[in-house]
């Protein structure tokens, strides 16, 4: 049985444990975090790759563990927070934890945030609402664009892919730590915003829709982007302040949802 007594690895790092068996209880728990059931059981999720771990550290996210191969831990020793337990993994164990074909060999665990702490009745600034957006790459691109455009936060509505899925986490590239990111009921968010006289602009081509260029920039309010194939749900379309469209000059039938979101966000967020 391995001792839990801290073991010095390299200067500046003190190990909580050096794990060499894939049957180790901790390894099984970490591996389970790639599933919804596993995340729910422990109320935590897994970050993979140095870029995400580094961005979480910079954002002062309260990580609960950092795990990596000896090579990776040594390479990033200077940036690892002393307050977080560090575990050394063998290369083979690191490969079993990774969701990518060639994992970097460094990971971290973080507590799942409390979405109820973000209230639409008191939310400020400009927001992006995602209605049933399911492609991880699209979600990641829109979150990064919202970050770049200066939005306050993003709400993933029912039917959208979870922000804790490994592919979604990677595609957001750390922007999730720079703004407020929650999963919520878009009916509640849209209704609450409009009751507060905050504009909520849908994106849908209908007879009443306006050219997005005719709308004045806003400092507070929301933009709604719909499902990749079906657009916004009809019941949400009826709740918005105004629905907008992007004129297409060429012969393409439509724009990718992430591209359209970028165009509208940079135009409407003052």
Protein backbone atom coordinates (compact mmCIF):
# COMPACT_ATOMS: atom_id res chain seq x y z
CA UNK A 1 0.00 0.00 0.00
CA UNK A 2 1.34 3.42 -0.96
CA UNK A 3 2.03 5.92 1.77
CA UNK A 4 0.15 9.23 1.65
CA UNK A 5 3.12 10.98 3.23
CA UNK A 6 4.14 13.89 0.97
CA UNK A 7 7.09 13.04 -1.26
CA UNK A 8 9.38 15.71 -2.71
CA UNK A 9 9.35 15.46 -6.52
CA UNK A 10 11.19 18.55 -7.74
CA UNK A 11 12.08 21.84 -6.17
CA UNK A 12 8.83 23.67 -5.36
CA UNK A 13 6.52 20.64 -5.66
CA UNK A 14 5.41 18.37 -2.85
CA UNK A 15 3.43 15.32 -3.91
CA UNK A 16 0.30 14.19 -2.15
CA UNK A 17 0.72 10.79 -3.74
CA UNK A 18 2.61 9.05 -6.52
CA UNK A 19 0.14 6.80 -8.32
CA UNK A 20 1.39 3.82 -10.30
CA UNK A 21 -1.72 1.60 -10.48
CA UNK A 22 -4.62 2.19 -12.85
CA UNK A 23 -6.83 0.48 -10.24
CA UNK A 24 -6.15 3.24 -7.74
CA UNK A 25 -9.41 4.61 -6.33
CA UNK A 26 -8.50 8.19 -7.25
CA UNK A 27 -7.80 7.23 -10.86
CA UNK A 28 -11.22 5.59 -11.14
CA UNK A 29 -12.89 8.72 -9.73
CA UNK A 30 -11.02 11.02 -12.11
CA UNK A 31 -11.80 8.81 -15.09
CA UNK A 32 -15.49 8.91 -14.16
CA UNK A 33 -15.53 12.69 -14.51
CA UNK A 34 -15.78 12.35 -18.29
CA UNK A 35 -19.38 11.16 -17.75
CA UNK A 36 -22.40 13.13 -16.55
CA UNK A 37 -23.05 10.52 -13.86
CA UNK A 38 -19.51 10.77 -12.55
CA UNK A 39 -19.57 14.56 -12.45
CA UNK A 40 -22.90 14.58 -10.64
CA UNK A 41 -21.72 12.08 -8.04
CA UNK A 42 -18.73 14.19 -7.01
CA UNK A 43 -19.93 17.63 -8.15
CA UNK A 44 -16.61 18.13 -9.90
CA UNK A 45 -15.21 18.02 -13.41
CA UNK A 46 -11.91 17.34 -15.16
CA UNK A 47 -9.66 19.78 -16.99
CA UNK A 48 -7.21 18.31 -19.49
CA UNK A 49 -4.08 19.93 -20.90
CA UNK A 50 -1.77 22.61 -19.59
CA UNK A 51 -3.52 25.50 -21.34
CA UNK A 52 -6.82 24.85 -19.54
CA UNK A 53 -5.10 24.14 -16.21
CA UNK A 54 -3.01 27.30 -16.55
CA UNK A 55 -6.04 29.45 -17.41
CA UNK A 56 -7.89 28.04 -14.39
CA UNK A 57 -4.94 28.90 -12.15
CA UNK A 58 -4.73 32.43 -13.56
CA UNK A 59 -8.46 32.88 -12.93
CA UNK A 60 -7.89 31.71 -9.33
CA UNK A 61 -10.35 28.87 -9.75
CA UNK A 62 -10.42 26.74 -6.60
CA UNK A 63 -8.88 23.58 -8.06
CA UNK A 64 -9.15 20.48 -5.89
CA UNK A 65 -6.27 18.50 -7.42
CA UNK A 66 -3.59 18.70 -10.08
CA UNK A 67 -2.38 15.47 -11.66
CA UNK A 68 0.38 14.89 -14.16
CA UNK A 69 3.36 12.91 -15.31
CA UNK A 70 6.70 13.69 -13.70
CA UNK A 71 7.78 15.44 -16.91
CA UNK A 72 4.71 17.70 -17.04
CA UNK A 73 4.76 18.55 -13.35
CA UNK A 74 8.43 19.48 -13.51
CA UNK A 75 7.88 21.60 -16.63
CA UNK A 76 5.18 23.68 -14.93
CA UNK A 77 6.38 23.54 -11.33
CA UNK A 78 6.80 27.30 -11.00
CA UNK A 79 3.13 27.96 -11.82
CA UNK A 80 1.47 25.28 -9.70
CA UNK A 81 -0.34 26.73 -6.65
CA UNK A 82 1.02 25.46 -3.35
CA UNK A 83 -2.49 25.17 -1.89
CA UNK A 84 -3.60 22.41 -4.29
CA UNK A 85 -2.81 18.70 -3.81
CA UNK A 86 -0.50 17.40 -6.56
CA UNK A 87 -0.43 13.79 -7.76
CA UNK A 88 2.17 12.21 -10.00
CA UNK A 89 0.88 9.79 -12.64
CA UNK A 90 2.65 7.26 -14.82
CA UNK A 91 2.49 7.88 -18.56
CA UNK A 92 0.12 4.94 -19.01
CA UNK A 93 -2.33 6.22 -16.38
CA UNK A 94 -2.24 9.69 -17.92
CA UNK A 95 -3.25 8.18 -21.26
CA UNK A 96 -6.27 6.51 -19.68
CA UNK A 97 -7.46 9.82 -18.21
CA UNK A 98 -7.06 11.82 -21.41
CA UNK A 99 -9.96 12.32 -23.80
CA UNK A 100 -7.63 13.16 -26.70
CA UNK A 101 -5.64 10.67 -28.78
CA UNK A 102 -2.36 12.18 -27.58
CA UNK A 103 -2.95 13.65 -24.11
CA UNK A 104 -0.37 16.09 -22.78
CA UNK A 105 -0.26 14.32 -19.44
CA UNK A 106 -1.47 17.03 -17.08
CA UNK A 107 -4.94 17.44 -15.58
CA UNK A 108 -6.83 19.19 -12.80
CA UNK A 109 -10.14 18.75 -11.02
CA UNK A 110 -12.45 21.63 -10.14
CA UNK A 111 -15.78 21.90 -8.32
CA UNK A 112 -18.85 22.35 -10.49
CA UNK A 113 -20.12 25.91 -10.02
CA UNK A 114 -23.51 26.73 -8.52
CA UNK A 115 -25.66 27.99 -11.40
CA UNK A 116 -28.29 29.32 -8.99
CA UNK A 117 -25.74 31.88 -7.81
CA UNK A 118 -26.25 33.73 -11.13
CA UNK A 119 -29.71 35.32 -11.12
CA UNK A 120 -31.31 36.79 -14.28
CA UNK A 121 -33.09 39.29 -12.03
CA UNK A 122 -29.78 40.89 -11.06
CA UNK A 123 -27.52 39.98 -13.99
CA UNK A 124 -25.79 42.95 -15.60
CA UNK A 125 -24.09 43.59 -18.91
CA UNK A 126 -24.54 41.86 -22.26
CA UNK A 127 -25.24 38.14 -22.49
CA UNK A 128 -25.33 35.38 -25.10
CA UNK A 129 -28.13 32.80 -24.81
CA UNK A 130 -27.67 29.45 -26.60
CA UNK A 131 -30.82 27.53 -27.48
CA UNK A 132 -30.22 23.81 -28.13
CA UNK A 133 -26.76 24.37 -29.60
CA UNK A 134 -25.25 20.91 -29.66
CA UNK A 135 -21.93 21.01 -31.47
CA UNK A 136 -19.00 21.35 -29.02
CA UNK A 137 -16.94 23.31 -31.53
CA UNK A 138 -19.72 25.82 -32.10
CA UNK A 139 -20.23 26.31 -28.37
CA UNK A 140 -16.52 26.78 -27.81
CA UNK A 141 -16.20 29.28 -30.64
CA UNK A 142 -19.17 31.31 -29.38
CA UNK A 143 -17.91 31.36 -25.80
CA UNK A 144 -14.47 32.53 -26.98
CA UNK A 145 -16.09 35.16 -29.19
CA UNK A 146 -18.31 36.35 -26.35
CA UNK A 147 -15.16 36.70 -24.26
CA UNK A 148 -13.40 38.63 -27.03
CA UNK A 149 -16.40 40.89 -27.66
CA UNK A 150 -16.64 41.84 -23.99
CA UNK A 151 -19.87 40.09 -23.02
CA UNK A 152 -20.60 39.41 -19.37
CA UNK A 153 -21.75 35.82 -19.71
CA UNK A 154 -23.25 32.94 -21.66
CA UNK A 155 -26.33 30.89 -20.74
CA UNK A 156 -26.63 27.40 -22.24
CA UNK A 157 -30.30 26.57 -22.49
CA UNK A 158 -31.98 23.18 -22.34
CA UNK A 159 -30.88 20.90 -25.15
CA UNK A 160 -27.46 22.49 -25.52
CA UNK A 161 -24.36 20.36 -24.97
CA UNK A 162 -23.02 20.44 -21.42
CA UNK A 163 -20.21 22.89 -20.78
CA UNK A 164 -18.42 20.12 -18.84
CA UNK A 165 -18.04 17.75 -21.79
CA UNK A 166 -14.33 17.29 -22.54
CA UNK A 167 -14.70 18.49 -26.14
CA UNK A 168 -16.63 21.59 -25.06
CA UNK A 169 -14.07 22.37 -22.35
CA UNK A 170 -11.21 22.13 -24.83
CA UNK A 171 -12.96 24.18 -27.49
CA UNK A 172 -13.60 27.06 -25.07
CA UNK A 173 -9.82 27.26 -24.51
CA UNK A 174 -10.08 28.93 -21.12
CA UNK A 175 -12.56 31.66 -22.03
CA UNK A 176 -15.03 29.97 -19.68
CA UNK A 177 -12.95 31.35 -16.82
CA UNK A 178 -13.15 34.93 -18.11
CA UNK A 179 -16.93 35.34 -18.09
CA UNK A 180 -19.99 33.93 -16.33
CA UNK A 181 -21.04 30.62 -17.85
CA UNK A 182 -24.21 28.90 -16.66
CA UNK A 183 -26.82 26.36 -17.74
CA UNK A 184 -30.34 27.71 -17.32
CA UNK A 185 -33.94 28.02 -18.50
CA UNK A 186 -33.98 30.46 -21.40
CA UNK A 187 -37.71 31.08 -20.95
CA UNK A 188 -36.92 32.44 -17.49
CA UNK A 189 -33.87 34.40 -18.60
CA UNK A 190 -35.57 36.04 -21.60
CA UNK A 191 -38.76 36.85 -19.70
CA UNK A 192 -36.85 38.30 -16.77
CA UNK A 193 -34.63 40.43 -19.01
CA UNK A 194 -37.56 41.86 -20.97
CA UNK A 195 -39.46 42.57 -17.73
CA UNK A 196 -36.42 44.57 -16.65
CA UNK A 197 -36.61 46.49 -19.96
CA UNK A 198 -33.39 44.87 -21.16
CA UNK A 199 -33.51 44.10 -24.90
CA UNK A 200 -33.28 40.46 -25.97
CA UNK A 201 -32.56 39.98 -29.66
CA UNK A 202 -33.31 36.66 -31.31
CA UNK A 203 -31.71 35.56 -34.57
CA UNK A 204 -34.34 34.29 -36.94
CA UNK A 205 -35.49 35.04 -40.45
CA UNK A 206 -39.20 35.87 -40.22
CA UNK A 207 -41.45 38.61 -41.71
CA UNK A 208 -40.98 40.84 -38.65
CA UNK A 209 -37.22 40.34 -38.34
CA UNK A 210 -34.97 43.39 -38.76
CA UNK A 211 -31.56 43.75 -40.33
CA UNK A 212 -29.08 43.45 -37.45
CA UNK A 213 -27.28 46.55 -38.73
CA UNK A 214 -30.35 48.68 -37.99
CA UNK A 215 -30.17 47.99 -34.26
CA UNK A 216 -28.23 50.34 -32.00
CA UNK A 217 -25.45 48.79 -29.87
CA UNK A 218 -26.35 47.91 -26.29
CA UNK A 219 -24.42 47.74 -23.03
CA UNK A 220 -26.97 45.47 -21.36
CA UNK A 221 -29.30 42.82 -22.77
CA UNK A 222 -28.95 39.53 -24.63
CA UNK A 223 -28.55 37.88 -28.02
CA UNK A 224 -30.10 34.44 -28.62
CA UNK A 225 -28.55 31.94 -31.01
CA UNK A 226 -30.52 28.84 -31.98
CA UNK A 227 -29.92 25.23 -32.90
CA UNK A 228 -27.56 24.51 -35.82
CA UNK A 229 -30.30 22.95 -37.97
CA UNK A 230 -33.60 24.30 -36.67
CA UNK A 231 -32.74 27.74 -35.35
CA UNK A 232 -34.46 29.17 -32.29
CA UNK A 233 -37.41 27.37 -30.77
CA UNK A 234 -40.70 29.05 -31.83
CA UNK A 235 -41.79 29.70 -28.25
CA UNK A 236 -38.55 31.56 -27.54
CA UNK A 237 -38.91 33.60 -30.73
CA UNK A 238 -42.19 34.96 -29.38
CA UNK A 239 -40.55 36.11 -26.14
CA UNK A 240 -37.79 38.25 -27.61
CA UNK A 241 -37.79 42.02 -27.94
CA UNK A 242 -36.96 41.77 -31.62
CA UNK A 243 -35.70 39.08 -33.97
CA UNK A 244 -32.82 39.92 -36.31
CA UNK A 245 -31.37 38.58 -39.52
CA UNK A 246 -28.02 38.87 -41.30
CA UNK A 247 -28.38 39.75 -45.01
CA UNK A 248 -26.63 37.23 -47.25
CA UNK A 249 -25.25 38.79 -50.43
CA UNK A 250 -24.00 35.63 -52.09
CA UNK A 251 -25.71 32.35 -52.85
CA UNK A 252 -25.03 30.53 -49.56
CA UNK A 253 -28.27 29.41 -47.91
CA UNK A 254 -27.14 30.15 -44.37
CA UNK A 255 -24.26 30.92 -42.03
CA UNK A 256 -22.71 28.67 -39.43
CA UNK A 257 -24.26 29.55 -36.06
CA UNK A 258 -20.90 30.47 -34.52
CA UNK A 259 -20.02 32.75 -37.44
CA UNK A 260 -23.43 34.44 -37.23
CA UNK A 261 -23.05 34.87 -33.48
CA UNK A 262 -19.69 36.54 -33.94
CA UNK A 263 -21.06 39.00 -36.48
CA UNK A 264 -24.00 39.98 -34.28
CA UNK A 265 -22.04 40.14 -31.02
CA UNK A 266 -19.37 42.48 -32.32
CA UNK A 267 -22.02 44.71 -33.90
CA UNK A 268 -24.49 44.89 -31.03
CA UNK A 269 -22.32 44.94 -27.92
CA UNK A 270 -21.31 48.53 -27.20
